[in-house]
Amino acid sequence: MAHLQLVKQTSSGLLLPATPESGDFLRSVKIGEWIHADFKRVRNYAFHKRFFKLLQLGFDYWTPTGGTVTSREQKLISGFVNFL
């Protein structure tokens, strides 16, 4: 299976090869030959990077820094354990 990278450069909707490898593959296809493809857009890298940085910020902000036991309670528990 070939992976092609095509770019739309004209207003008529014509897709042109974006890489030399894509151009080589398209030259090997005969005129009139049918090919089937599933198209998807490439992700915007800058947006993707910002989104995951925002997730990291949210995780850092809402992650609790302390435990559920306060230092005073911890002292009481430690004293009780030493008593036993």
PDB file of N, CA and C in Angstrom:
ATOM      1  N   MET A   1       0.844  -1.169   0.000  1.00  0.00           N
ATOM      2  CA  MET A   1       0.000   0.000   0.000  1.00  0.00           C
ATOM      3  C   MET A   1       0.893   1.236   0.000  1.00  0.00           C
ATOM      4  N   ALA A   2       0.584   2.144  -0.867  1.00  0.00           N
ATOM      5  CA  ALA A   2       1.369   3.372  -0.973  1.00  0.00           C
ATOM      6  C   ALA A   2       0.720   4.467  -0.128  1.00  0.00           C
ATOM      7  N   HIS A   3       1.543   5.270   0.484  1.00  0.00           N
ATOM      8  CA  HIS A   3       1.065   6.430   1.241  1.00  0.00           C
ATOM      9  C   HIS A   3       1.428   7.667   0.437  1.00  0.00           C
ATOM     10  N   LEU A   4       0.413   8.362  -0.024  1.00  0.00           N
ATOM     11  CA  LEU A   4       0.627   9.552  -0.840  1.00  0.00           C
ATOM     12  C   LEU A   4       0.367  10.802  -0.020  1.00  0.00           C
ATOM     13  N   GLN A   5       1.101  11.836  -0.353  1.00  0.00           N
ATOM     14  CA  GLN A   5       0.852  13.153   0.227  1.00  0.00           C
ATOM     15  C   GLN A   5       0.523  14.076  -0.931  1.00  0.00           C
ATOM     16  N   LEU A   6      -0.713  14.547  -0.932  1.00  0.00           N
ATOM     17  CA  LEU A   6      -1.187  15.402  -2.009  1.00  0.00           C
ATOM     18  C   LEU A   6      -1.534  16.768  -1.444  1.00  0.00           C
ATOM     19  N   VAL A   7      -1.453  17.772  -2.290  1.00  0.00           N
ATOM     20  CA  VAL A   7      -1.774  19.130  -1.870  1.00  0.00           C
ATOM     21  C   VAL A   7      -2.676  19.751  -2.935  1.00  0.00           C
ATOM     22  N   LYS A   8      -3.676  20.496  -2.477  1.00  0.00           N
ATOM     23  CA  LYS A   8      -4.579  21.189  -3.390  1.00  0.00           C
ATOM     24  C   LYS A   8      -4.003  22.573  -3.643  1.00  0.00           C
ATOM     25  N   GLN A   9      -3.589  22.818  -4.895  1.00  0.00           N
ATOM     26  CA  GLN A   9      -2.951  24.096  -5.205  1.00  0.00           C
ATOM     27  C   GLN A   9      -3.735  24.930  -6.210  1.00  0.00           C
ATOM     28  N   THR A  10      -4.782  24.382  -6.764  1.00  0.00           N
ATOM     29  CA  THR A  10      -5.540  25.125  -7.765  1.00  0.00           C
ATOM     30  C   THR A  10      -6.984  25.277  -7.311  1.00  0.00           C
ATOM     31  N   SER A  11      -7.669  26.266  -7.855  1.00  0.00           N
ATOM     32  CA  SER A  11      -9.070  26.486  -7.493  1.00  0.00           C
ATOM     33  C   SER A  11      -9.985  25.449  -8.133  1.00  0.00           C
ATOM     34  N   SER A  12      -9.489  24.716  -9.127  1.00  0.00           N
ATOM     35  CA  SER A  12     -10.319  23.704  -9.787  1.00  0.00           C
ATOM     36  C   SER A  12     -10.442  22.430  -8.957  1.00  0.00           C
ATOM     37  N   GLY A  13      -9.697  22.313  -7.864  1.00  0.00           N
ATOM     38  CA  GLY A  13      -9.783  21.136  -7.006  1.00  0.00           C
ATOM     39  C   GLY A  13      -8.802  20.048  -7.374  1.00  0.00           C
ATOM     40  N   LEU A  14      -7.856  20.336  -8.229  1.00  0.00           N
ATOM     41  CA  LEU A  14      -6.865  19.349  -8.650  1.00  0.00           C
ATOM     42  C   LEU A  14      -5.859  19.099  -7.526  1.00  0.00           C
ATOM     43  N   LEU A  15      -5.604  17.838  -7.217  1.00  0.00           N
ATOM     44  CA  LEU A  15      -4.631  17.473  -6.189  1.00  0.00           C
ATOM     45  C   LEU A  15      -3.304  17.138  -6.855  1.00  0.00           C
ATOM     46  N   LEU A  16      -2.238  17.742  -6.366  1.00  0.00           N
ATOM     47  CA  LEU A  16      -0.900  17.531  -6.918  1.00  0.00           C
ATOM     48  C   LEU A  16      -0.027  16.837  -5.887  1.00  0.00           C
ATOM     49  N   PRO A  17       0.974  16.062  -6.325  1.00  0.00           N
ATOM     50  CA  PRO A  17       1.854  15.382  -5.363  1.00  0.00           C
ATOM     51  C   PRO A  17       2.666  16.393  -4.561  1.00  0.00           C
ATOM     52  N   ALA A  18       2.751  16.159  -3.241  1.00  0.00           N
ATOM     53  CA  ALA A  18       3.483  17.065  -2.358  1.00  0.00           C
ATOM     54  C   ALA A  18       4.918  16.613  -2.153  1.00  0.00           C
ATOM     55  N   THR A  19       5.223  15.352  -2.418  1.00  0.00           N
ATOM     56  CA  THR A  19       6.574  14.822  -2.223  1.00  0.00           C
ATOM     57  C   THR A  19       7.028  14.115  -3.493  1.00  0.00           C
ATOM     58  N   PRO A  20       8.338  13.977  -3.681  1.00  0.00           N
ATOM     59  CA  PRO A  20       8.839  13.249  -4.854  1.00  0.00           C
ATOM     60  C   PRO A  20       8.367  11.791  -4.892  1.00  0.00           C
ATOM     61  N   GLU A  21       8.231  11.159  -3.732  1.00  0.00           N
ATOM     62  CA  GLU A  21       7.767   9.770  -3.687  1.00  0.00           C
ATOM     63  C   GLU A  21       6.332   9.660  -4.196  1.00  0.00           C
ATOM     64  N   SER A  22       5.508  10.634  -3.830  1.00  0.00           N
ATOM     65  CA  SER A  22       4.123  10.636  -4.308  1.00  0.00           C
ATOM     66  C   SER A  22       4.081  10.842  -5.814  1.00  0.00           C
ATOM     67  N   GLY A  23       4.950  11.706  -6.306  1.00  0.00           N
ATOM     68  CA  GLY A  23       5.026  11.937  -7.746  1.00  0.00           C
ATOM     69  C   GLY A  23       5.460  10.692  -8.498  1.00  0.00           C
ATOM     70  N   ASP A  24       6.432   9.953  -7.948  1.00  0.00           N
ATOM     71  CA  ASP A  24       6.882   8.710  -8.587  1.00  0.00           C
ATOM     72  C   ASP A  24       5.747   7.699  -8.670  1.00  0.00           C
ATOM     73  N   PHE A  25       4.984   7.575  -7.595  1.00  0.00           N
ATOM     74  CA  PHE A  25       3.871   6.624  -7.606  1.00  0.00           C
ATOM     75  C   PHE A  25       2.821   7.027  -8.636  1.00  0.00           C
ATOM     76  N   LEU A  26       2.484   8.321  -8.685  1.00  0.00           N
ATOM     77  CA  LEU A  26       1.460   8.769  -9.625  1.00  0.00           C
ATOM     78  C   LEU A  26       1.912   8.618 -11.071  1.00  0.00           C
ATOM     79  N   ARG A  27       3.209   8.737 -11.334  1.00  0.00           N
ATOM     80  CA  ARG A  27       3.714   8.518 -12.687  1.00  0.00           C
ATOM     81  C   ARG A  27       3.619   7.043 -13.078  1.00  0.00           C
ATOM     82  N   SER A  28       3.659   6.148 -12.095  1.00  0.00           N
ATOM     83  CA  SER A  28       3.572   4.717 -12.401  1.00  0.00           C
ATOM     84  C   SER A  28       2.131   4.265 -12.657  1.00  0.00           C
ATOM     85  N   VAL A  29       1.152   5.084 -12.275  1.00  0.00           N
ATOM     86  CA  VAL A  29      -0.253   4.751 -12.521  1.00  0.00           C
ATOM     87  C   VAL A  29      -0.592   5.130 -13.961  1.00  0.00           C
ATOM     88  N   LYS A  30      -1.212   4.188 -14.678  1.00  0.00           N
ATOM     89  CA  LYS A  30      -1.563   4.431 -16.080  1.00  0.00           C
ATOM     90  C   LYS A  30      -2.739   5.402 -16.174  1.00  0.00           C
ATOM     91  N   ILE A  31      -2.808   6.128 -17.270  1.00  0.00           N
ATOM     92  CA  ILE A  31      -3.909   7.062 -17.506  1.00  0.00           C
ATOM     93  C   ILE A  31      -5.199   6.256 -17.654  1.00  0.00           C
ATOM     94  N   GLY A  32      -6.215   6.660 -16.945  1.00  0.00           N
ATOM     95  CA  GLY A  32      -7.497   5.967 -16.978  1.00  0.00           C
ATOM     96  C   GLY A  32      -7.628   4.868 -15.943  1.00  0.00           C
ATOM     97  N   GLU A  33      -6.544   4.548 -15.246  1.00  0.00           N
ATOM     98  CA  GLU A  33      -6.587   3.513 -14.215  1.00  0.00           C
ATOM     99  C   GLU A  33      -7.227   4.088 -12.954  1.00  0.00           C
ATOM    100  N   TRP A  34      -8.090   3.285 -12.337  1.00  0.00           N
ATOM    101  CA  TRP A  34      -8.778   3.713 -11.129  1.00  0.00           C
ATOM    102  C   TRP A  34      -7.947   3.356  -9.917  1.00  0.00           C
ATOM    103  N   ILE A  35      -7.866   4.290  -8.977  1.00  0.00           N
ATOM    104  CA  ILE A  35      -7.240   4.008  -7.684  1.00  0.00           C
ATOM    105  C   ILE A  35      -8.230   4.429  -6.599  1.00  0.00           C
ATOM    106  N   HIS A  36      -8.174   3.753  -5.470  1.00  0.00           N
ATOM    107  CA  HIS A  36      -9.082   4.022  -4.350  1.00  0.00           C
ATOM    108  C   HIS A  36      -8.254   4.561  -3.191  1.00  0.00           C
ATOM    109  N   ALA A  37      -8.767   5.595  -2.519  1.00  0.00           N
ATOM    110  CA  ALA A  37      -8.011   6.194  -1.410  1.00  0.00           C
ATOM    111  C   ALA A  37      -8.958   6.651  -0.303  1.00  0.00           C
ATOM    112  N   ASP A  38      -8.463   6.620   0.915  1.00  0.00           N
ATOM    113  CA  ASP A  38      -9.143   7.204   2.071  1.00  0.00           C
ATOM    114  C   ASP A  38      -8.349   8.439   2.466  1.00  0.00           C
ATOM    115  N   PHE A  39      -8.972   9.605   2.390  1.00  0.00           N
ATOM    116  CA  PHE A  39      -8.267  10.855   2.642  1.00  0.00           C
ATOM    117  C   PHE A  39      -8.492  11.339   4.064  1.00  0.00           C
ATOM    118  N   LYS A  40      -7.470  11.922   4.653  1.00  0.00           N
ATOM    119  CA  LYS A  40      -7.595  12.605   5.933  1.00  0.00           C
ATOM    120  C   LYS A  40      -6.596  13.751   5.965  1.00  0.00           C
ATOM    121  N   ARG A  41      -6.937  14.756   6.733  1.00  0.00           N
ATOM    122  CA  ARG A  41      -6.082  15.940   6.830  1.00  0.00           C
ATOM    123  C   ARG A  41      -4.983  15.715   7.857  1.00  0.00           C
ATOM    124  N   VAL A  42      -3.868  16.354   7.642  1.00  0.00           N
ATOM    125  CA  VAL A  42      -2.753  16.292   8.577  1.00  0.00           C
ATOM    126  C   VAL A  42      -3.072  17.201   9.756  1.00  0.00           C
ATOM    127  N   ARG A  43      -2.736  16.761  10.958  1.00  0.00           N
ATOM    128  CA  ARG A  43      -2.993  17.571  12.149  1.00  0.00           C
ATOM    129  C   ARG A  43      -2.103  18.808  12.171  1.00  0.00           C
ATOM    130  N   ASN A  44      -2.638  19.848  12.762  1.00  0.00           N
ATOM    131  CA  ASN A  44      -1.888  21.081  12.938  1.00  0.00           C
ATOM    132  C   ASN A  44      -0.949  20.886  14.137  1.00  0.00           C
ATOM    133  N   TYR A  45       0.346  20.796  13.878  1.00  0.00           N
ATOM    134  CA  TYR A  45       1.318  20.477  14.922  1.00  0.00           C
ATOM    135  C   TYR A  45       1.345  21.530  16.028  1.00  0.00           C
ATOM    136  N   ALA A  46       1.276  22.808  15.657  1.00  0.00           N
ATOM    137  CA  ALA A  46       1.336  23.874  16.670  1.00  0.00           C
ATOM    138  C   ALA A  46       0.124  23.794  17.604  1.00  0.00           C
ATOM    139  N   PHE A  47      -1.063  23.554  17.048  1.00  0.00           N
ATOM    140  CA  PHE A  47      -2.259  23.426  17.884  1.00  0.00           C
ATOM    141  C   PHE A  47      -2.168  22.183  18.761  1.00  0.00           C
ATOM    142  N   HIS A  48      -1.699  21.087  18.189  1.00  0.00           N
ATOM    143  CA  HIS A  48      -1.549  19.828  18.923  1.00  0.00           C
ATOM    144  C   HIS A  48      -0.612  20.016  20.120  1.00  0.00           C
ATOM    145  N   LYS A  49       0.483  20.736  19.910  1.00  0.00           N
ATOM    146  CA  LYS A  49       1.462  20.995  20.966  1.00  0.00           C
ATOM    147  C   LYS A  49       0.852  21.859  22.076  1.00  0.00           C
ATOM    148  N   ARG A  50       0.103  22.895  21.686  1.00  0.00           N
ATOM    149  CA  ARG A  50      -0.542  23.767  22.676  1.00  0.00           C
ATOM    150  C   ARG A  50      -1.594  23.010  23.484  1.00  0.00           C
ATOM    151  N   PHE A  51      -2.352  22.161  22.816  1.00  0.00           N
ATOM    152  CA  PHE A  51      -3.399  21.407  23.497  1.00  0.00           C
ATOM    153  C   PHE A  51      -2.809  20.514  24.578  1.00  0.00           C
ATOM    154  N   PHE A  52      -1.740  19.786  24.269  1.00  0.00           N
ATOM    155  CA  PHE A  52      -1.157  18.898  25.261  1.00  0.00           C
ATOM    156  C   PHE A  52      -0.431  19.670  26.361  1.00  0.00           C
ATOM    157  N   LYS A  53       0.086  20.847  26.061  1.00  0.00           N
ATOM    158  CA  LYS A  53       0.666  21.696  27.101  1.00  0.00           C
ATOM    159  C   LYS A  53      -0.431  22.182  28.050  1.00  0.00           C
ATOM    160  N   LEU A  54      -1.610  22.481  27.507  1.00  0.00           N
ATOM    161  CA  LEU A  54      -2.743  22.884  28.338  1.00  0.00           C
ATOM    162  C   LEU A  54      -3.200  21.731  29.231  1.00  0.00           C
ATOM    163  N   LEU A  55      -3.220  20.513  28.700  1.00  0.00           N
ATOM    164  CA  LEU A  55      -3.562  19.354  29.524  1.00  0.00           C
ATOM    165  C   LEU A  55      -2.561  19.175  30.657  1.00  0.00           C
ATOM    166  N   GLN A  56      -1.282  19.354  30.364  1.00  0.00           N
ATOM    167  CA  GLN A  56      -0.241  19.228  31.392  1.00  0.00           C
ATOM    168  C   GLN A  56      -0.417  20.298  32.466  1.00  0.00           C
ATOM    169  N   LEU A  57      -0.739  21.528  32.048  1.00  0.00           N
ATOM    170  CA  LEU A  57      -0.975  22.611  33.002  1.00  0.00           C
ATOM    171  C   LEU A  57      -2.152  22.275  33.917  1.00  0.00           C
ATOM    172  N   GLY A  58      -3.239  21.780  33.342  1.00  0.00           N
ATOM    173  CA  GLY A  58      -4.396  21.396  34.150  1.00  0.00           C
ATOM    174  C   GLY A  58      -4.068  20.274  35.115  1.00  0.00           C
ATOM    175  N   PHE A  59      -3.312  19.288  34.662  1.00  0.00           N
ATOM    176  CA  PHE A  59      -2.929  18.177  35.535  1.00  0.00           C
ATOM    177  C   PHE A  59      -2.061  18.672  36.685  1.00  0.00           C
ATOM    178  N   ASP A  60      -1.083  19.530  36.376  1.00  0.00           N
ATOM    179  CA  ASP A  60      -0.207  20.065  37.427  1.00  0.00           C
ATOM    180  C   ASP A  60      -0.982  20.923  38.422  1.00  0.00           C
ATOM    181  N   TYR A  61      -1.970  21.679  37.937  1.00  0.00           N
ATOM    182  CA  TYR A  61      -2.720  22.585  38.805  1.00  0.00           C
ATOM    183  C   TYR A  61      -3.648  21.822  39.741  1.00  0.00           C
ATOM    184  N   TRP A  62      -4.319  20.794  39.220  1.00  0.00           N
ATOM    185  CA  TRP A  62      -5.327  20.109  40.018  1.00  0.00           C
ATOM    186  C   TRP A  62      -4.826  18.851  40.715  1.00  0.00           C
ATOM    187  N   THR A  63      -3.552  18.538  40.610  1.00  0.00           N
ATOM    188  CA  THR A  63      -3.003  17.399  41.334  1.00  0.00           C
ATOM    189  C   THR A  63      -2.744  17.825  42.769  1.00  0.00           C
ATOM    190  N   PRO A  64      -3.296  17.117  43.748  1.00  0.00           N
ATOM    191  CA  PRO A  64      -3.072  17.517  45.140  1.00  0.00           C
ATOM    192  C   PRO A  64      -1.605  17.362  45.531  1.00  0.00           C
ATOM    193  N   THR A  65      -1.109  18.318  46.319  1.00  0.00           N
ATOM    194  CA  THR A  65       0.293  18.272  46.738  1.00  0.00           C
ATOM    195  C   THR A  65       0.456  17.562  48.057  1.00  0.00           C
ATOM    196  N   GLY A  66      -0.544  17.600  48.878  1.00  0.00           N
ATOM    197  CA  GLY A  66      -0.463  16.955  50.185  1.00  0.00           C
ATOM    198  C   GLY A  66      -1.314  15.707  50.228  1.00  0.00           C
ATOM    199  N   GLY A  67      -1.172  14.974  51.316  1.00  0.00           N
ATOM    200  CA  GLY A  67      -1.988  13.783  51.489  1.00  0.00           C
ATOM    201  C   GLY A  67      -3.323  14.125  52.116  1.00  0.00           C
ATOM    202  N   THR A  68      -4.110  13.103  52.387  1.00  0.00           N
ATOM    203  CA  THR A  68      -5.408  13.327  53.018  1.00  0.00           C
ATOM    204  C   THR A  68      -5.273  13.443  54.528  1.00  0.00           C
ATOM    205  N   VAL A  69      -4.113  13.079  55.053  1.00  0.00           N
ATOM    206  CA  VAL A  69      -3.863  13.141  56.495  1.00  0.00           C
ATOM    207  C   VAL A  69      -2.988  14.361  56.772  1.00  0.00           C
ATOM    208  N   THR A  70      -3.448  15.234  57.672  1.00  0.00           N
ATOM    209  CA  THR A  70      -2.660  16.415  58.012  1.00  0.00           C
ATOM    210  C   THR A  70      -1.466  16.008  58.874  1.00  0.00           C
ATOM    211  N   SER A  71      -0.521  16.907  59.019  1.00  0.00           N
ATOM    212  CA  SER A  71       0.676  16.598  59.816  1.00  0.00           C
ATOM    213  C   SER A  71       0.309  16.368  61.286  1.00  0.00           C
ATOM    214  N   ARG A  72      -0.678  17.093  61.785  1.00  0.00           N
ATOM    215  CA  ARG A  72      -1.118  16.903  63.174  1.00  0.00           C
ATOM    216  C   ARG A  72      -1.731  15.512  63.368  1.00  0.00           C
ATOM    217  N   GLU A  73      -2.555  15.089  62.393  1.00  0.00           N
ATOM    218  CA  GLU A  73      -3.146  13.755  62.466  1.00  0.00           C
ATOM    219  C   GLU A  73      -2.076  12.678  62.329  1.00  0.00           C
ATOM    220  N   GLN A  74      -1.090  12.922  61.470  1.00  0.00           N
ATOM    221  CA  GLN A  74       0.003  11.963  61.290  1.00  0.00           C
ATOM    222  C   GLN A  74       0.780  11.779  62.594  1.00  0.00           C
ATOM    223  N   LYS A  75       0.990  12.880  63.314  1.00  0.00           N
ATOM    224  CA  LYS A  75       1.689  12.819  64.600  1.00  0.00           C
ATOM    225  C   LYS A  75       0.885  11.988  65.606  1.00  0.00           C
ATOM    226  N   LEU A  76      -0.425  12.179  65.631  1.00  0.00           N
ATOM    227  CA  LEU A  76      -1.302  11.415  66.518  1.00  0.00           C
ATOM    228  C   LEU A  76      -1.270   9.923  66.173  1.00  0.00           C
ATOM    229  N   ILE A  77      -1.338   9.606  64.888  1.00  0.00           N
ATOM    230  CA  ILE A  77      -1.312   8.206  64.451  1.00  0.00           C
ATOM    231  C   ILE A  77       0.026   7.562  64.787  1.00  0.00           C
ATOM    232  N   SER A  78       1.116   8.270  64.547  1.00  0.00           N
ATOM    233  CA  SER A  78       2.450   7.732  64.859  1.00  0.00           C
ATOM    234  C   SER A  78       2.595   7.477  66.353  1.00  0.00           C
ATOM    235  N   GLY A  79       2.084   8.392  67.171  1.00  0.00           N
ATOM    236  CA  GLY A  79       2.130   8.201  68.623  1.00  0.00           C
ATOM    237  C   GLY A  79       1.325   6.995  69.058  1.00  0.00           C
ATOM    238  N   PHE A  80       0.165   6.795  68.445  1.00  0.00           N
ATOM    239  CA  PHE A  80      -0.674   5.649  68.786  1.00  0.00           C
ATOM    240  C   PHE A  80      -0.014   4.336  68.371  1.00  0.00           C
ATOM    241  N   VAL A  81       0.623   4.320  67.207  1.00  0.00           N
ATOM    242  CA  VAL A  81       1.318   3.110  66.741  1.00  0.00           C
ATOM    243  C   VAL A  81       2.483   2.791  67.665  1.00  0.00           C
ATOM    244  N   ASN A  82       3.212   3.803  68.095  1.00  0.00           N
ATOM    245  CA  ASN A  82       4.326   3.577  69.027  1.00  0.00           C
ATOM    246  C   ASN A  82       3.816   3.074  70.380  1.00  0.00           C
ATOM    247  N   PHE A  83       2.624   3.518  70.789  1.00  0.00           N
ATOM    248  CA  PHE A  83       2.028   3.070  72.042  1.00  0.00           C
ATOM    249  C   PHE A  83       1.692   1.576  71.998  1.00  0.00           C
ATOM    250  N   LEU A  84       1.239   1.113  70.818  1.00  0.00           N
ATOM    251  CA  LEU A  84       0.887  -0.308  70.678  1.00  0.00           C
ATOM    252  C   LEU A  84       2.152  -1.129  70.715  1.00  0.00           C
TER     253      LEU A  84
END
